[in-house]
PDB file of all heavy atoms in Angstrom:
ATOM      1  N   HIS A   1       4.678 -11.776   5.529  1.00  0.00           N
ATOM      2  CA  HIS A   1       4.401 -12.570   4.325  1.00  0.00           C
ATOM      3  C   HIS A   1       3.496 -13.768   4.617  1.00  0.00           C
ATOM      4  O   HIS A   1       2.957 -14.391   3.715  1.00  0.00           O
ATOM      5  CB  HIS A   1       5.713 -13.039   3.688  1.00  0.00           C
ATOM      6  CG  HIS A   1       6.499 -13.964   4.552  1.00  0.00           C
ATOM      7  ND1 HIS A   1       7.231 -13.511   5.641  1.00  0.00           N
ATOM      8  CD2 HIS A   1       6.654 -15.307   4.512  1.00  0.00           C
ATOM      9  CE1 HIS A   1       7.817 -14.534   6.227  1.00  0.00           C
ATOM     10  NE2 HIS A   1       7.490 -15.646   5.547  1.00  0.00           N
ATOM     11  N   LEU A   2       3.315 -14.083   5.892  1.00  0.00           N
ATOM     12  CA  LEU A   2       2.490 -15.225   6.264  1.00  0.00           C
ATOM     13  C   LEU A   2       1.030 -14.839   6.496  1.00  0.00           C
ATOM     14  O   LEU A   2       0.195 -15.715   6.698  1.00  0.00           O
ATOM     15  CB  LEU A   2       3.050 -15.888   7.535  1.00  0.00           C
ATOM     16  CG  LEU A   2       4.484 -16.410   7.410  1.00  0.00           C
ATOM     17  CD1 LEU A   2       4.986 -16.887   8.765  1.00  0.00           C
ATOM     18  CD2 LEU A   2       4.544 -17.539   6.395  1.00  0.00           C
ATOM     19  N   ARG A   3       0.742 -13.552   6.466  1.00  0.00           N
ATOM     20  CA  ARG A   3      -0.632 -13.110   6.734  1.00  0.00           C
ATOM     21  C   ARG A   3      -1.575 -13.568   5.627  1.00  0.00           C
ATOM     22  O   ARG A   3      -1.255 -13.526   4.450  1.00  0.00           O
ATOM     23  CB  ARG A   3      -0.678 -11.595   6.857  1.00  0.00           C
ATOM     24  CG  ARG A   3       0.058 -11.110   8.068  1.00  0.00           C
ATOM     25  CD  ARG A   3      -0.210  -9.643   8.284  1.00  0.00           C
ATOM     26  NE  ARG A   3       0.660  -9.166   9.353  1.00  0.00           N
ATOM     27  CZ  ARG A   3       1.362  -8.065   9.298  1.00  0.00           C
ATOM     28  NH1 ARG A   3       1.288  -7.288   8.260  1.00  0.00           N
ATOM     29  NH2 ARG A   3       2.131  -7.728  10.294  1.00  0.00           N
ATOM     30  N   VAL A   4      -2.786 -13.949   6.036  1.00  0.00           N
ATOM     31  CA  VAL A   4      -3.772 -14.484   5.118  1.00  0.00           C
ATOM     32  C   VAL A   4      -4.575 -13.374   4.438  1.00  0.00           C
ATOM     33  O   VAL A   4      -5.024 -13.519   3.313  1.00  0.00           O
ATOM     34  CB  VAL A   4      -4.721 -15.459   5.859  1.00  0.00           C
ATOM     35  CG1 VAL A   4      -5.742 -16.041   4.915  1.00  0.00           C
ATOM     36  CG2 VAL A   4      -3.935 -16.534   6.564  1.00  0.00           C
ATOM     37  N   HIS A   5      -4.722 -12.218   5.072  1.00  0.00           N
ATOM     38  CA  HIS A   5      -5.616 -11.185   4.572  1.00  0.00           C
ATOM     39  C   HIS A   5      -5.085 -10.421   3.353  1.00  0.00           C
ATOM     40  O   HIS A   5      -5.775  -9.598   2.798  1.00  0.00           O
ATOM     41  CB  HIS A   5      -5.967 -10.200   5.697  1.00  0.00           C
ATOM     42  CG  HIS A   5      -4.810  -9.342   6.106  1.00  0.00           C
ATOM     43  ND1 HIS A   5      -3.857  -9.778   6.983  1.00  0.00           N
ATOM     44  CD2 HIS A   5      -4.462  -8.095   5.738  1.00  0.00           C
ATOM     45  CE1 HIS A   5      -2.956  -8.829   7.154  1.00  0.00           C
ATOM     46  NE2 HIS A   5      -3.303  -7.795   6.411  1.00  0.00           N
ATOM     47  N   ILE A   6      -3.876 -10.693   2.900  1.00  0.00           N
ATOM     48  CA  ILE A   6      -3.327 -10.007   1.730  1.00  0.00           C
ATOM     49  C   ILE A   6      -3.975 -10.594   0.482  1.00  0.00           C
ATOM     50  O   ILE A   6      -3.915 -11.795   0.230  1.00  0.00           O
ATOM     51  CB  ILE A   6      -1.797 -10.158   1.656  1.00  0.00           C
ATOM     52  CG1 ILE A   6      -1.160  -9.496   2.879  1.00  0.00           C
ATOM     53  CG2 ILE A   6      -1.260  -9.552   0.371  1.00  0.00           C
ATOM     54  CD1 ILE A   6       0.342  -9.661   2.959  1.00  0.00           C
ATOM     55  N   LEU A   7      -4.578  -9.702  -0.297  1.00  0.00           N
ATOM     56  CA  LEU A   7      -5.278 -10.148  -1.503  1.00  0.00           C
ATOM     57  C   LEU A   7      -4.280 -10.388  -2.628  1.00  0.00           C
ATOM     58  O   LEU A   7      -3.284  -9.653  -2.750  1.00  0.00           O
ATOM     59  CB  LEU A   7      -6.290  -9.088  -1.936  1.00  0.00           C
ATOM     60  CG  LEU A   7      -7.375  -8.764  -0.910  1.00  0.00           C
ATOM     61  CD1 LEU A   7      -8.223  -7.606  -1.413  1.00  0.00           C
ATOM     62  CD2 LEU A   7      -8.247  -9.990  -0.677  1.00  0.00           C
ATOM     63  N   PRO A   8      -4.519 -11.363  -3.466  1.00  0.00           N
ATOM     64  CA  PRO A   8      -3.614 -11.595  -4.599  1.00  0.00           C
ATOM     65  C   PRO A   8      -3.727 -10.444  -5.607  1.00  0.00           C
ATOM     66  O   PRO A   8      -4.763  -9.776  -5.697  1.00  0.00           O
ATOM     67  CB  PRO A   8      -4.107 -12.912  -5.194  1.00  0.00           C
ATOM     68  CG  PRO A   8      -5.522 -13.029  -4.748  1.00  0.00           C
ATOM     69  CD  PRO A   8      -5.624 -12.319  -3.438  1.00  0.00           C
ATOM     70  N   PHE A   9      -2.666 -10.223  -6.341  1.00  0.00           N
ATOM     71  CA  PHE A   9      -2.650  -9.160  -7.341  1.00  0.00           C
ATOM     72  C   PHE A   9      -3.663  -9.503  -8.437  1.00  0.00           C
ATOM     73  O   PHE A   9      -3.696 -10.631  -8.926  1.00  0.00           O
ATOM     74  CB  PHE A   9      -1.243  -9.045  -7.937  1.00  0.00           C
ATOM     75  CG  PHE A   9      -1.031  -7.782  -8.708  1.00  0.00           C
ATOM     76  CD1 PHE A   9      -0.811  -6.589  -8.049  1.00  0.00           C
ATOM     77  CD2 PHE A   9      -1.063  -7.776 -10.096  1.00  0.00           C
ATOM     78  CE1 PHE A   9      -0.608  -5.416  -8.751  1.00  0.00           C
ATOM     79  CE2 PHE A   9      -0.871  -6.619 -10.809  1.00  0.00           C
ATOM     80  CZ  PHE A   9      -0.643  -5.426 -10.131  1.00  0.00           C
ATOM     81  N   PRO A  10      -4.497  -8.518  -8.823  1.00  0.00           N
ATOM     82  CA  PRO A  10      -5.528  -8.829  -9.828  1.00  0.00           C
ATOM     83  C   PRO A  10      -4.906  -9.111 -11.202  1.00  0.00           C
ATOM     84  O   PRO A  10      -3.832  -8.631 -11.526  1.00  0.00           O
ATOM     85  CB  PRO A  10      -6.380  -7.566  -9.859  1.00  0.00           C
ATOM     86  CG  PRO A  10      -5.505  -6.500  -9.325  1.00  0.00           C
ATOM     87  CD  PRO A  10      -4.543  -7.141  -8.386  1.00  0.00           C
ATOM     88  N   ARG A  11      -5.642  -9.855 -12.004  1.00  0.00           N
ATOM     89  CA  ARG A  11      -5.181 -10.159 -13.361  1.00  0.00           C
ATOM     90  C   ARG A  11      -5.280  -8.911 -14.214  1.00  0.00           C
ATOM     91  O   ARG A  11      -6.176  -8.092 -14.045  1.00  0.00           O
ATOM     92  CB  ARG A  11      -6.041 -11.258 -13.979  1.00  0.00           C
ATOM     93  CG  ARG A  11      -5.752 -12.633 -13.408  1.00  0.00           C
ATOM     94  CD  ARG A  11      -6.201 -13.631 -14.457  1.00  0.00           C
ATOM     95  NE  ARG A  11      -5.671 -14.921 -14.477  1.00  0.00           N
ATOM     96  CZ  ARG A  11      -4.410 -15.302 -14.627  1.00  0.00           C
ATOM     97  NH1 ARG A  11      -3.470 -14.448 -14.674  1.00  0.00           N
ATOM     98  NH2 ARG A  11      -4.092 -16.560 -14.713  1.00  0.00           N
ATOM     99  N   ILE A  12      -4.368  -8.779 -15.144  1.00  0.00           N
ATOM    100  CA  ILE A  12      -4.345  -7.629 -16.044  1.00  0.00           C
ATOM    101  C   ILE A  12      -5.235  -7.920 -17.243  1.00  0.00           C
ATOM    102  O   ILE A  12      -5.153  -8.993 -17.842  1.00  0.00           O
ATOM    103  CB  ILE A  12      -2.903  -7.329 -16.499  1.00  0.00           C
ATOM    104  CG1 ILE A  12      -2.068  -6.923 -15.282  1.00  0.00           C
ATOM    105  CG2 ILE A  12      -2.874  -6.257 -17.566  1.00  0.00           C
ATOM    106  CD1 ILE A  12      -0.611  -6.691 -15.583  1.00  0.00           C
ATOM    107  N   ASN A  13      -6.060  -6.943 -17.600  1.00  0.00           N
ATOM    108  CA  ASN A  13      -6.934  -7.063 -18.753  1.00  0.00           C
ATOM    109  C   ASN A  13      -6.111  -6.727 -19.998  1.00  0.00           C
ATOM    110  O   ASN A  13      -5.812  -5.566 -20.273  1.00  0.00           O
ATOM    111  CB  ASN A  13      -8.117  -6.096 -18.596  1.00  0.00           C
ATOM    112  CG  ASN A  13      -9.092  -6.190 -19.741  1.00  0.00           C
ATOM    113  OD1 ASN A  13      -8.793  -6.749 -20.795  1.00  0.00           O
ATOM    114  ND2 ASN A  13     -10.274  -5.640 -19.530  1.00  0.00           N
ATOM    115  N   GLU A  14      -5.727  -7.758 -20.742  1.00  0.00           N
ATOM    116  CA  GLU A  14      -4.845  -7.564 -21.897  1.00  0.00           C
ATOM    117  C   GLU A  14      -5.472  -6.678 -22.964  1.00  0.00           C
ATOM    118  O   GLU A  14      -4.786  -5.891 -23.619  1.00  0.00           O
ATOM    119  CB  GLU A  14      -4.443  -8.914 -22.480  1.00  0.00           C
ATOM    120  CG  GLU A  14      -3.530  -9.701 -21.561  1.00  0.00           C
ATOM    121  CD  GLU A  14      -3.134 -11.037 -22.163  1.00  0.00           C
ATOM    122  OE1 GLU A  14      -3.078 -11.158 -23.398  1.00  0.00           O
ATOM    123  OE2 GLU A  14      -2.882 -11.967 -21.370  1.00  0.00           O
ATOM    124  N   GLY A  15      -6.764  -6.770 -23.155  1.00  0.00           N
ATOM    125  CA  GLY A  15      -7.460  -5.931 -24.142  1.00  0.00           C
ATOM    126  C   GLY A  15      -7.343  -4.460 -23.783  1.00  0.00           C
ATOM    127  O   GLY A  15      -7.076  -3.606 -24.634  1.00  0.00           O
ATOM    128  N   ARG A  16      -7.531  -4.147 -22.489  1.00  0.00           N
ATOM    129  CA  ARG A  16      -7.450  -2.747 -22.039  1.00  0.00           C
ATOM    130  C   ARG A  16      -6.021  -2.209 -22.174  1.00  0.00           C
ATOM    131  O   ARG A  16      -5.811  -1.061 -22.539  1.00  0.00           O
ATOM    132  CB  ARG A  16      -7.944  -2.646 -20.589  1.00  0.00           C
ATOM    133  CG  ARG A  16      -7.925  -1.261 -20.021  1.00  0.00           C
ATOM    134  CD  ARG A  16      -8.923  -0.352 -20.726  1.00  0.00           C
ATOM    135  NE  ARG A  16      -8.845   0.979 -20.161  1.00  0.00           N
ATOM    136  CZ  ARG A  16      -8.905   2.095 -20.859  1.00  0.00           C
ATOM    137  NH1 ARG A  16      -9.110   2.046 -22.152  1.00  0.00           N
ATOM    138  NH2 ARG A  16      -8.794   3.252 -20.274  1.00  0.00           N
ATOM    139  N   VAL A  17      -5.036  -3.048 -21.893  1.00  0.00           N
ATOM    140  CA  VAL A  17      -3.632  -2.649 -22.044  1.00  0.00           C
ATOM    141  C   VAL A  17      -3.356  -2.292 -23.496  1.00  0.00           C
ATOM    142  O   VAL A  17      -2.734  -1.264 -23.797  1.00  0.00           O
ATOM    143  CB  VAL A  17      -2.679  -3.765 -21.551  1.00  0.00           C
ATOM    144  CG1 VAL A  17      -1.241  -3.468 -21.930  1.00  0.00           C
ATOM    145  CG2 VAL A  17      -2.802  -3.955 -20.048  1.00  0.00           C
ATOM    146  N   GLN A  18      -3.832  -3.108 -24.438  1.00  0.00           N
ATOM    147  CA  GLN A  18      -3.628  -2.830 -25.863  1.00  0.00           C
ATOM    148  C   GLN A  18      -4.305  -1.525 -26.271  1.00  0.00           C
ATOM    149  O   GLN A  18      -3.756  -0.740 -27.042  1.00  0.00           O
ATOM    150  CB  GLN A  18      -4.129  -3.996 -26.722  1.00  0.00           C
ATOM    151  CG  GLN A  18      -3.255  -5.225 -26.660  1.00  0.00           C
ATOM    152  CD  GLN A  18      -1.825  -4.930 -27.106  1.00  0.00           C
ATOM    153  OE1 GLN A  18      -1.579  -4.147 -28.015  1.00  0.00           O
ATOM    154  NE2 GLN A  18      -0.874  -5.550 -26.438  1.00  0.00           N
ATOM    155  N   GLU A  19      -5.520  -1.280 -25.742  1.00  0.00           N
ATOM    156  CA  GLU A  19      -6.230  -0.028 -26.038  1.00  0.00           C
ATOM    157  C   GLU A  19      -5.413   1.179 -25.574  1.00  0.00           C
ATOM    158  O   GLU A  19      -5.260   2.163 -26.307  1.00  0.00           O
ATOM    159  CB  GLU A  19      -7.592  -0.005 -25.337  1.00  0.00           C
ATOM    160  CG  GLU A  19      -8.653  -0.875 -25.954  1.00  0.00           C
ATOM    161  CD  GLU A  19      -9.932  -0.846 -25.117  1.00  0.00           C
ATOM    162  OE1 GLU A  19     -10.231   0.200 -24.492  1.00  0.00           O
ATOM    163  OE2 GLU A  19     -10.614  -1.878 -25.085  1.00  0.00           O
ATOM    164  N   LEU A  20      -4.897   1.107 -24.346  1.00  0.00           N
ATOM    165  CA  LEU A  20      -4.104   2.213 -23.802  1.00  0.00           C
ATOM    166  C   LEU A  20      -2.831   2.443 -24.617  1.00  0.00           C
ATOM    167  O   LEU A  20      -2.434   3.583 -24.876  1.00  0.00           O
ATOM    168  CB  LEU A  20      -3.763   1.952 -22.335  1.00  0.00           C
ATOM    169  CG  LEU A  20      -4.933   2.009 -21.352  1.00  0.00           C
ATOM    170  CD1 LEU A  20      -4.503   1.519 -19.979  1.00  0.00           C
ATOM    171  CD2 LEU A  20      -5.482   3.422 -21.262  1.00  0.00           C
ATOM    172  N   LEU A  21      -2.183   1.353 -25.042  1.00  0.00           N
ATOM    173  CA  LEU A  21      -0.983   1.486 -25.871  1.00  0.00           C
ATOM    174  C   LEU A  21      -1.312   2.154 -27.204  1.00  0.00           C
ATOM    175  O   LEU A  21      -0.582   3.033 -27.668  1.00  0.00           O
ATOM    176  CB  LEU A  21      -0.348   0.115 -26.114  1.00  0.00           C
ATOM    177  CG  LEU A  21       0.393  -0.507 -24.940  1.00  0.00           C
ATOM    178  CD1 LEU A  21       0.821  -1.929 -25.277  1.00  0.00           C
ATOM    179  CD2 LEU A  21       1.594   0.328 -24.562  1.00  0.00           C
ATOM    180  N   GLN A  22      -2.413   1.737 -27.820  1.00  0.00           N
ATOM    181  CA  GLN A  22      -2.804   2.328 -29.106  1.00  0.00           C
ATOM    182  C   GLN A  22      -3.143   3.810 -28.946  1.00  0.00           C
ATOM    183  O   GLN A  22      -2.773   4.630 -29.791  1.00  0.00           O
ATOM    184  CB  GLN A  22      -3.995   1.566 -29.705  1.00  0.00           C
ATOM    185  CG  GLN A  22      -3.680   0.143 -30.112  1.00  0.00           C
ATOM    186  CD  GLN A  22      -2.533   0.063 -31.122  1.00  0.00           C
ATOM    187  OE1 GLN A  22      -2.393   0.918 -31.978  1.00  0.00           O
ATOM    188  NE2 GLN A  22      -1.696  -0.954 -30.985  1.00  0.00           N
ATOM    189  N   GLU A  23      -3.838   4.168 -27.868  1.00  0.00           N
ATOM    190  CA  GLU A  23      -4.152   5.579 -27.614  1.00  0.00           C
ATOM    191  C   GLU A  23      -2.883   6.398 -27.439  1.00  0.00           C
ATOM    192  O   GLU A  23      -2.748   7.495 -27.982  1.00  0.00           O
ATOM    193  CB  GLU A  23      -5.025   5.717 -26.351  1.00  0.00           C
ATOM    194  CG  GLU A  23      -6.452   5.291 -26.520  1.00  0.00           C
ATOM    195  CD  GLU A  23      -7.209   5.358 -25.197  1.00  0.00           C
ATOM    196  OE1 GLU A  23      -6.775   6.068 -24.266  1.00  0.00           O
ATOM    197  OE2 GLU A  23      -8.251   4.680 -25.103  1.00  0.00           O
ATOM    198  N   GLY A  24      -1.944   5.870 -26.680  1.00  0.00           N
ATOM    199  CA  GLY A  24      -0.673   6.569 -26.457  1.00  0.00           C
ATOM    200  C   GLY A  24       0.103   6.746 -27.751  1.00  0.00           C
ATOM    201  O   GLY A  24       0.673   7.808 -28.007  1.00  0.00           O
ATOM    202  N   LEU A  25       0.147   5.703 -28.588  1.00  0.00           N
ATOM    203  CA  LEU A  25       0.839   5.801 -29.873  1.00  0.00           C
ATOM    204  C   LEU A  25       0.179   6.831 -30.778  1.00  0.00           C
ATOM    205  O   LEU A  25       0.858   7.616 -31.446  1.00  0.00           O
ATOM    206  CB  LEU A  25       0.866   4.439 -30.569  1.00  0.00           C
ATOM    207  CG  LEU A  25       1.859   3.427 -30.018  1.00  0.00           C
ATOM    208  CD1 LEU A  25       1.663   2.065 -30.679  1.00  0.00           C
ATOM    209  CD2 LEU A  25       3.277   3.915 -30.247  1.00  0.00           C
ATOM    210  N   ALA A  26      -1.154   6.864 -30.789  1.00  0.00           N
ATOM    211  CA  ALA A  26      -1.877   7.826 -31.625  1.00  0.00           C
ATOM    212  C   ALA A  26      -1.574   9.251 -31.163  1.00  0.00           C
ATOM    213  O   ALA A  26      -1.367  10.150 -31.982  1.00  0.00           O
ATOM    214  CB  ALA A  26      -3.375   7.552 -31.580  1.00  0.00           C
ATOM    215  N   ARG A  27      -1.535   9.459 -29.845  1.00  0.00           N
ATOM    216  CA  ARG A  27      -1.227  10.801 -29.322  1.00  0.00           C
ATOM    217  C   ARG A  27       0.205  11.208 -29.628  1.00  0.00           C
ATOM    218  O   ARG A  27       0.474  12.346 -29.971  1.00  0.00           O
ATOM    219  CB  ARG A  27      -1.450  10.829 -27.814  1.00  0.00           C
ATOM    220  CG  ARG A  27      -2.796  11.405 -27.442  1.00  0.00           C
ATOM    221  CD  ARG A  27      -2.906  11.615 -25.953  1.00  0.00           C
ATOM    222  NE  ARG A  27      -3.537  10.423 -25.406  1.00  0.00           N
ATOM    223  CZ  ARG A  27      -3.130   9.740 -24.345  1.00  0.00           C
ATOM    224  NH1 ARG A  27      -2.096  10.156 -23.667  1.00  0.00           N
ATOM    225  NH2 ARG A  27      -3.755   8.670 -23.950  1.00  0.00           N
ATOM    226  N   SER A  28       1.141  10.255 -29.516  1.00  0.00           N
ATOM    227  CA  SER A  28       2.551  10.598 -29.733  1.00  0.00           C
ATOM    228  C   SER A  28       2.866  10.836 -31.206  1.00  0.00           C
ATOM    229  O   SER A  28       3.817  11.530 -31.533  1.00  0.00           O
ATOM    230  CB  SER A  28       3.459   9.514 -29.171  1.00  0.00           C
ATOM    231  OG  SER A  28       3.333   8.324 -29.925  1.00  0.00           O
ATOM    232  N   GLN A  29       2.080  10.274 -32.118  1.00  0.00           N
ATOM    233  CA  GLN A  29       2.312  10.468 -33.558  1.00  0.00           C
ATOM    234  C   GLN A  29       2.107  11.927 -33.940  1.00  0.00           C
ATOM    235  O   GLN A  29       2.824  12.473 -34.753  1.00  0.00           O
ATOM    236  CB  GLN A  29       1.381   9.569 -34.366  1.00  0.00           C
ATOM    237  CG  GLN A  29       1.539   8.107 -34.058  1.00  0.00           C
ATOM    238  CD  GLN A  29       2.309   7.373 -35.113  1.00  0.00           C
ATOM    239  OE1 GLN A  29       2.342   7.783 -36.238  1.00  0.00           O
ATOM    240  NE2 GLN A  29       2.935   6.282 -34.729  1.00  0.00           N
ATOM    241  N   GLY A  30       1.122  12.586 -33.339  1.00  0.00           N
ATOM    242  CA  GLY A  30       0.820  13.971 -33.676  1.00  0.00           C
ATOM    243  C   GLY A  30       1.607  14.971 -32.846  1.00  0.00           C
ATOM    244  O   GLY A  30       1.678  16.149 -33.175  1.00  0.00           O
ATOM    245  N   ALA A  31       2.221  14.513 -31.773  1.00  0.00           N
ATOM    246  CA  ALA A  31       2.946  15.426 -30.882  1.00  0.00           C
ATOM    247  C   ALA A  31       4.353  15.670 -31.408  1.00  0.00           C
ATOM    248  O   ALA A  31       4.948  14.814 -32.061  1.00  0.00           O
ATOM    249  CB  ALA A  31       3.010  14.826 -29.484  1.00  0.00           C
ATOM    250  N   PRO A  32       4.922  16.865 -31.130  1.00  0.00           N
ATOM    251  CA  PRO A  32       6.313  17.116 -31.535  1.00  0.00           C
ATOM    252  C   PRO A  32       7.257  16.222 -30.726  1.00  0.00           C
ATOM    253  O   PRO A  32       6.923  15.811 -29.617  1.00  0.00           O
ATOM    254  CB  PRO A  32       6.515  18.598 -31.197  1.00  0.00           C
ATOM    255  CG  PRO A  32       5.480  18.908 -30.173  1.00  0.00           C
ATOM    256  CD  PRO A  32       4.333  17.989 -30.447  1.00  0.00           C
ATOM    257  N   PRO A  33       8.419  15.909 -31.279  1.00  0.00           N
ATOM    258  CA  PRO A  33       9.351  15.031 -30.563  1.00  0.00           C
ATOM    259  C   PRO A  33       9.807  15.672 -29.254  1.00  0.00           C
ATOM    260  O   PRO A  33       9.982  16.879 -29.169  1.00  0.00           O
ATOM    261  CB  PRO A  33      10.522  14.865 -31.541  1.00  0.00           C
ATOM    262  CG  PRO A  33      10.399  15.990 -32.500  1.00  0.00           C
ATOM    263  CD  PRO A  33       8.950  16.370 -32.547  1.00  0.00           C
ATOM    264  N   ALA A  34       9.956  14.828 -28.254  1.00  0.00           N
ATOM    265  CA  ALA A  34      10.397  15.322 -26.948  1.00  0.00           C
ATOM    266  C   ALA A  34      11.857  15.740 -27.014  1.00  0.00           C
ATOM    267  O   ALA A  34      12.680  15.105 -27.667  1.00  0.00           O
ATOM    268  CB  ALA A  34      10.223  14.228 -25.898  1.00  0.00           C
ATOM    269  N   THR A  35      12.177  16.842 -26.356  1.00  0.00           N
ATOM    270  CA  THR A  35      13.556  17.322 -26.326  1.00  0.00           C
ATOM    271  C   THR A  35      14.023  17.381 -24.888  1.00  0.00           C
ATOM    272  O   THR A  35      13.236  17.532 -23.973  1.00  0.00           O
ATOM    273  CB  THR A  35      13.670  18.725 -26.950  1.00  0.00           C
ATOM    274  OG1 THR A  35      12.807  19.614 -26.238  1.00  0.00           O
ATOM    275  CG2 THR A  35      13.292  18.697 -28.420  1.00  0.00           C
ATOM    276  N   ARG A  36      15.323  17.279 -24.727  1.00  0.00           N
ATOM    277  CA  ARG A  36      15.903  17.371 -23.392  1.00  0.00           C
ATOM    278  C   ARG A  36      15.873  18.812 -22.933  1.00  0.00           C
ATOM    279  O   ARG A  36      15.912  19.734 -23.724  1.00  0.00           O
ATOM    280  CB  ARG A  36      17.344  16.878 -23.402  1.00  0.00           C
ATOM    281  CG  ARG A  36      17.428  15.372 -23.544  1.00  0.00           C
ATOM    282  CD  ARG A  36      18.818  14.905 -23.417  1.00  0.00           C
ATOM    283  NE  ARG A  36      19.263  15.126 -22.052  1.00  0.00           N
ATOM    284  CZ  ARG A  36      20.488  14.941 -21.650  1.00  0.00           C
ATOM    285  NH1 ARG A  36      21.391  14.544 -22.487  1.00  0.00           N
ATOM    286  NH2 ARG A  36      20.835  15.171 -20.408  1.00  0.00           N
ATOM    287  N   GLY A  37      15.885  18.998 -21.645  1.00  0.00           N
ATOM    288  CA  GLY A  37      15.842  20.327 -21.071  1.00  0.00           C
ATOM    289  C   GLY A  37      17.190  21.030 -21.069  1.00  0.00           C
ATOM    290  O   GLY A  37      17.273  22.187 -20.688  1.00  0.00           O
ATOM    291  N   ASP A  38      18.261  20.329 -21.457  1.00  0.00           N
ATOM    292  CA  ASP A  38      19.577  20.952 -21.437  1.00  0.00           C
ATOM    293  C   ASP A  38      19.655  22.048 -22.482  1.00  0.00           C
ATOM    294  O   ASP A  38      19.228  21.880 -23.619  1.00  0.00           O
ATOM    295  CB  ASP A  38      20.666  19.917 -21.732  1.00  0.00           C
ATOM    296  CG  ASP A  38      20.740  18.852 -20.656  1.00  0.00           C
ATOM    297  OD1 ASP A  38      20.292  19.133 -19.530  1.00  0.00           O
ATOM    298  OD2 ASP A  38      21.244  17.761 -20.949  1.00  0.00           O
TER     299      ASP A  38
END
């Protein structure tokens, strides 16, 4: 944990996260509901 060469975690692009969420919601709206394998 004392090593200097570890890069900090990059910042998250909030706009891109929102785009991905909207795409996922759009895909799930048209897809049939997920069912359990039992």
